Amino acid sequence: MSEVLYSHLLKRLGEKPIYMRSLPGFLRDIGLGYLTEGEPKRMTEILKRTVYPALDVVKGVQYQLDKQGNLVFIHKD
């Protein structure tokens, strides 16, 4: 999972210092769009168990979820 995320983020960030994407849009981008069609509780559980830990190990990228539900990715130096 982390390899897929790394490739996607590297492609999207490129030379930009920041990349912002809605959570449902991001999940569709990485092939997990089906999660948005189920119960919100189930989606949150899967995100906490798989996606967020994978994002934590992606080197060179920091992320946070903003108040509007967007994932914000920033290059780490």
N, C-alpha and C. Protein backbone atom coordinates (compact mmCIF):
# COMPACT_ATOMS: atom_id res chain seq x y z
N MET A 1 0.83 -1.19 0.00
CA MET A 1 0.00 0.00 0.00
C MET A 1 0.87 1.25 0.00
N SER A 2 1.93 1.28 0.81
CA SER A 2 2.74 2.49 0.88
C SER A 2 3.45 2.79 -0.44
N GLU A 3 3.78 1.75 -1.22
CA GLU A 3 4.42 1.96 -2.52
C GLU A 3 3.47 2.66 -3.49
N VAL A 4 2.21 2.24 -3.47
CA VAL A 4 1.19 2.85 -4.32
C VAL A 4 1.00 4.31 -3.93
N LEU A 5 0.93 4.56 -2.63
CA LEU A 5 0.74 5.93 -2.16
C LEU A 5 1.95 6.80 -2.50
N TYR A 6 3.14 6.25 -2.33
CA TYR A 6 4.35 7.00 -2.65
C TYR A 6 4.36 7.40 -4.13
N SER A 7 4.06 6.45 -4.99
CA SER A 7 4.04 6.74 -6.43
C SER A 7 3.00 7.80 -6.78
N HIS A 8 1.83 7.65 -6.20
CA HIS A 8 0.76 8.61 -6.48
C HIS A 8 1.14 10.01 -5.99
N LEU A 9 1.64 10.09 -4.78
CA LEU A 9 1.98 11.39 -4.21
C LEU A 9 3.16 12.04 -4.92
N LEU A 10 4.14 11.24 -5.29
CA LEU A 10 5.29 11.77 -6.01
C LEU A 10 4.83 12.37 -7.35
N LYS A 11 3.92 11.68 -8.02
CA LYS A 11 3.38 12.16 -9.29
C LYS A 11 2.59 13.45 -9.10
N ARG A 12 1.75 13.51 -8.07
CA ARG A 12 0.89 14.67 -7.84
C ARG A 12 1.64 15.86 -7.27
N LEU A 13 2.55 15.61 -6.36
CA LEU A 13 3.30 16.71 -5.76
C LEU A 13 4.29 17.30 -6.75
N GLY A 14 5.04 16.44 -7.42
CA GLY A 14 6.04 16.91 -8.36
C GLY A 14 6.94 17.94 -7.71
N GLU A 15 7.01 19.11 -8.29
CA GLU A 15 7.82 20.19 -7.75
C GLU A 15 7.01 21.14 -6.85
N LYS A 16 5.70 20.86 -6.72
CA LYS A 16 4.86 21.73 -5.89
C LYS A 16 5.15 21.46 -4.42
N PRO A 17 5.06 22.48 -3.57
CA PRO A 17 5.30 22.27 -2.14
C PRO A 17 4.11 21.66 -1.42
N ILE A 18 2.91 21.75 -2.04
CA ILE A 18 1.70 21.28 -1.37
C ILE A 18 0.74 20.67 -2.39
N TYR A 19 0.00 19.66 -1.96
CA TYR A 19 -1.02 19.01 -2.79
C TYR A 19 -2.21 18.76 -1.89
N MET A 20 -3.40 19.23 -2.30
CA MET A 20 -4.59 19.05 -1.51
C MET A 20 -5.63 18.31 -2.35
N ARG A 21 -6.28 17.34 -1.71
CA ARG A 21 -7.29 16.53 -2.41
C ARG A 21 -8.37 16.15 -1.42
N SER A 22 -9.61 16.15 -1.86
CA SER A 22 -10.70 15.69 -0.99
C SER A 22 -10.44 14.22 -0.65
N LEU A 23 -10.86 13.82 0.53
CA LEU A 23 -10.65 12.43 0.94
C LEU A 23 -11.31 11.45 -0.02
N PRO A 24 -12.58 11.65 -0.41
CA PRO A 24 -13.19 10.72 -1.38
C PRO A 24 -12.43 10.70 -2.72
N GLY A 25 -12.01 11.87 -3.18
CA GLY A 25 -11.25 11.94 -4.43
C GLY A 25 -9.93 11.20 -4.33
N PHE A 26 -9.23 11.37 -3.22
CA PHE A 26 -7.97 10.68 -3.00
C PHE A 26 -8.18 9.17 -2.98
N LEU A 27 -9.22 8.73 -2.29
CA LEU A 27 -9.49 7.29 -2.24
C LEU A 27 -9.79 6.73 -3.63
N ARG A 28 -10.52 7.48 -4.44
CA ARG A 28 -10.77 7.04 -5.83
C ARG A 28 -9.46 6.99 -6.61
N ASP A 29 -8.60 7.98 -6.41
CA ASP A 29 -7.32 8.03 -7.12
C ASP A 29 -6.45 6.81 -6.86
N ILE A 30 -6.50 6.30 -5.62
CA ILE A 30 -5.63 5.18 -5.26
C ILE A 30 -6.34 3.82 -5.33
N GLY A 31 -7.54 3.82 -5.91
CA GLY A 31 -8.25 2.55 -6.12
C GLY A 31 -9.09 2.09 -4.95
N LEU A 32 -9.35 2.97 -3.99
CA LEU A 32 -10.17 2.60 -2.84
C LEU A 32 -11.47 3.39 -2.79
N GLY A 33 -11.94 3.83 -3.93
CA GLY A 33 -13.17 4.62 -4.00
C GLY A 33 -14.39 3.90 -3.45
N TYR A 34 -14.37 2.58 -3.48
CA TYR A 34 -15.50 1.82 -2.97
C TYR A 34 -15.75 2.10 -1.49
N LEU A 35 -14.72 2.54 -0.77
CA LEU A 35 -14.89 2.84 0.65
C LEU A 35 -15.87 3.98 0.89
N THR A 36 -15.99 4.88 -0.07
CA THR A 36 -16.87 6.04 0.10
C THR A 36 -18.34 5.67 -0.06
N GLU A 37 -18.61 4.48 -0.54
CA GLU A 37 -19.99 4.05 -0.78
C GLU A 37 -20.60 3.32 0.40
N GLY A 38 -19.79 2.99 1.39
CA GLY A 38 -20.30 2.26 2.55
C GLY A 38 -20.60 3.17 3.72
N GLU A 39 -20.70 2.56 4.88
CA GLU A 39 -20.96 3.31 6.10
C GLU A 39 -19.75 4.17 6.46
N PRO A 40 -19.98 5.41 6.87
CA PRO A 40 -18.86 6.27 7.27
C PRO A 40 -18.01 5.66 8.38
N LYS A 41 -18.65 4.97 9.31
CA LYS A 41 -17.91 4.34 10.42
C LYS A 41 -16.95 3.29 9.89
N ARG A 42 -17.40 2.52 8.93
CA ARG A 42 -16.56 1.47 8.32
C ARG A 42 -15.40 2.10 7.55
N MET A 43 -15.66 3.19 6.82
CA MET A 43 -14.61 3.87 6.07
C MET A 43 -13.54 4.39 7.04
N THR A 44 -13.97 5.00 8.13
CA THR A 44 -13.03 5.53 9.11
C THR A 44 -12.18 4.42 9.70
N GLU A 45 -12.79 3.30 9.97
CA GLU A 45 -12.08 2.15 10.53
C GLU A 45 -11.00 1.65 9.55
N ILE A 46 -11.33 1.53 8.29
CA ILE A 46 -10.38 1.06 7.29
C ILE A 46 -9.27 2.08 7.08
N LEU A 47 -9.63 3.36 7.07
CA LEU A 47 -8.60 4.40 6.94
C LEU A 47 -7.60 4.33 8.08
N LYS A 48 -8.09 4.18 9.30
CA LYS A 48 -7.20 4.12 10.47
C LYS A 48 -6.34 2.87 10.47
N ARG A 49 -6.86 1.80 9.91
CA ARG A 49 -6.14 0.53 9.93
C ARG A 49 -5.16 0.37 8.76
N THR A 50 -5.45 0.97 7.61
CA THR A 50 -4.62 0.72 6.44
C THR A 50 -4.02 1.97 5.80
N VAL A 51 -4.86 2.93 5.43
CA VAL A 51 -4.39 4.07 4.65
C VAL A 51 -3.49 4.99 5.48
N TYR A 52 -3.93 5.40 6.65
CA TYR A 52 -3.12 6.32 7.45
C TYR A 52 -1.78 5.72 7.87
N PRO A 53 -1.72 4.45 8.31
CA PRO A 53 -0.41 3.87 8.61
C PRO A 53 0.51 3.82 7.38
N ALA A 54 -0.08 3.55 6.21
CA ALA A 54 0.74 3.53 4.98
C ALA A 54 1.25 4.93 4.67
N LEU A 55 0.41 5.94 4.88
CA LEU A 55 0.86 7.32 4.64
C LEU A 55 1.96 7.72 5.62
N ASP A 56 1.90 7.18 6.83
CA ASP A 56 2.91 7.50 7.85
C ASP A 56 4.31 7.05 7.44
N VAL A 57 4.42 6.02 6.61
CA VAL A 57 5.75 5.52 6.22
C VAL A 57 6.23 6.05 4.88
N VAL A 58 5.41 6.85 4.20
CA VAL A 58 5.84 7.44 2.94
C VAL A 58 6.89 8.51 3.24
N LYS A 59 8.07 8.30 2.72
CA LYS A 59 9.19 9.19 3.00
C LYS A 59 9.07 10.50 2.21
N GLY A 60 9.40 11.59 2.86
CA GLY A 60 9.43 12.88 2.20
C GLY A 60 8.10 13.60 2.10
N VAL A 61 7.05 13.01 2.66
CA VAL A 61 5.73 13.63 2.57
C VAL A 61 5.06 13.62 3.95
N GLN A 62 4.55 14.77 4.32
CA GLN A 62 3.78 14.91 5.54
C GLN A 62 2.33 15.14 5.13
N TYR A 63 1.38 14.65 5.91
CA TYR A 63 -0.02 14.85 5.55
C TYR A 63 -0.83 15.24 6.77
N GLN A 64 -1.96 15.86 6.51
CA GLN A 64 -2.93 16.16 7.56
C GLN A 64 -4.31 16.25 6.94
N LEU A 65 -5.32 16.02 7.74
CA LEU A 65 -6.71 16.13 7.31
C LEU A 65 -7.23 17.47 7.82
N ASP A 66 -7.67 18.33 6.90
CA ASP A 66 -8.15 19.65 7.33
C ASP A 66 -9.62 19.58 7.78
N LYS A 67 -10.14 20.70 8.24
CA LYS A 67 -11.51 20.75 8.78
C LYS A 67 -12.59 20.47 7.74
N GLN A 68 -12.27 20.68 6.46
CA GLN A 68 -13.24 20.42 5.40
C GLN A 68 -13.18 18.98 4.89
N GLY A 69 -12.30 18.16 5.45
CA GLY A 69 -12.19 16.77 5.03
C GLY A 69 -11.25 16.55 3.87
N ASN A 70 -10.37 17.52 3.61
CA ASN A 70 -9.37 17.38 2.56
C ASN A 70 -8.07 16.85 3.15
N LEU A 71 -7.40 16.01 2.39
CA LEU A 71 -6.06 15.60 2.76
C LEU A 71 -5.10 16.62 2.18
N VAL A 72 -4.20 17.12 3.00
CA VAL A 72 -3.22 18.10 2.57
C VAL A 72 -1.85 17.44 2.71
N PHE A 73 -1.13 17.36 1.59
CA PHE A 73 0.20 16.75 1.57
C PHE A 73 1.25 17.82 1.37
N ILE A 74 2.31 17.75 2.15
CA ILE A 74 3.38 18.75 2.11
C ILE A 74 4.70 18.02 2.01
N HIS A 75 5.60 18.56 1.14
CA HIS A 75 6.95 18.01 1.07
C HIS A 75 7.64 18.21 2.40
N LYS A 76 8.27 17.17 2.94
CA LYS A 76 9.11 17.31 4.13
C LYS A 76 10.53 17.55 3.68
N ASP A 77 11.22 18.40 4.37
CA ASP A 77 12.63 18.65 4.06
C ASP A 77 13.54 18.00 5.07
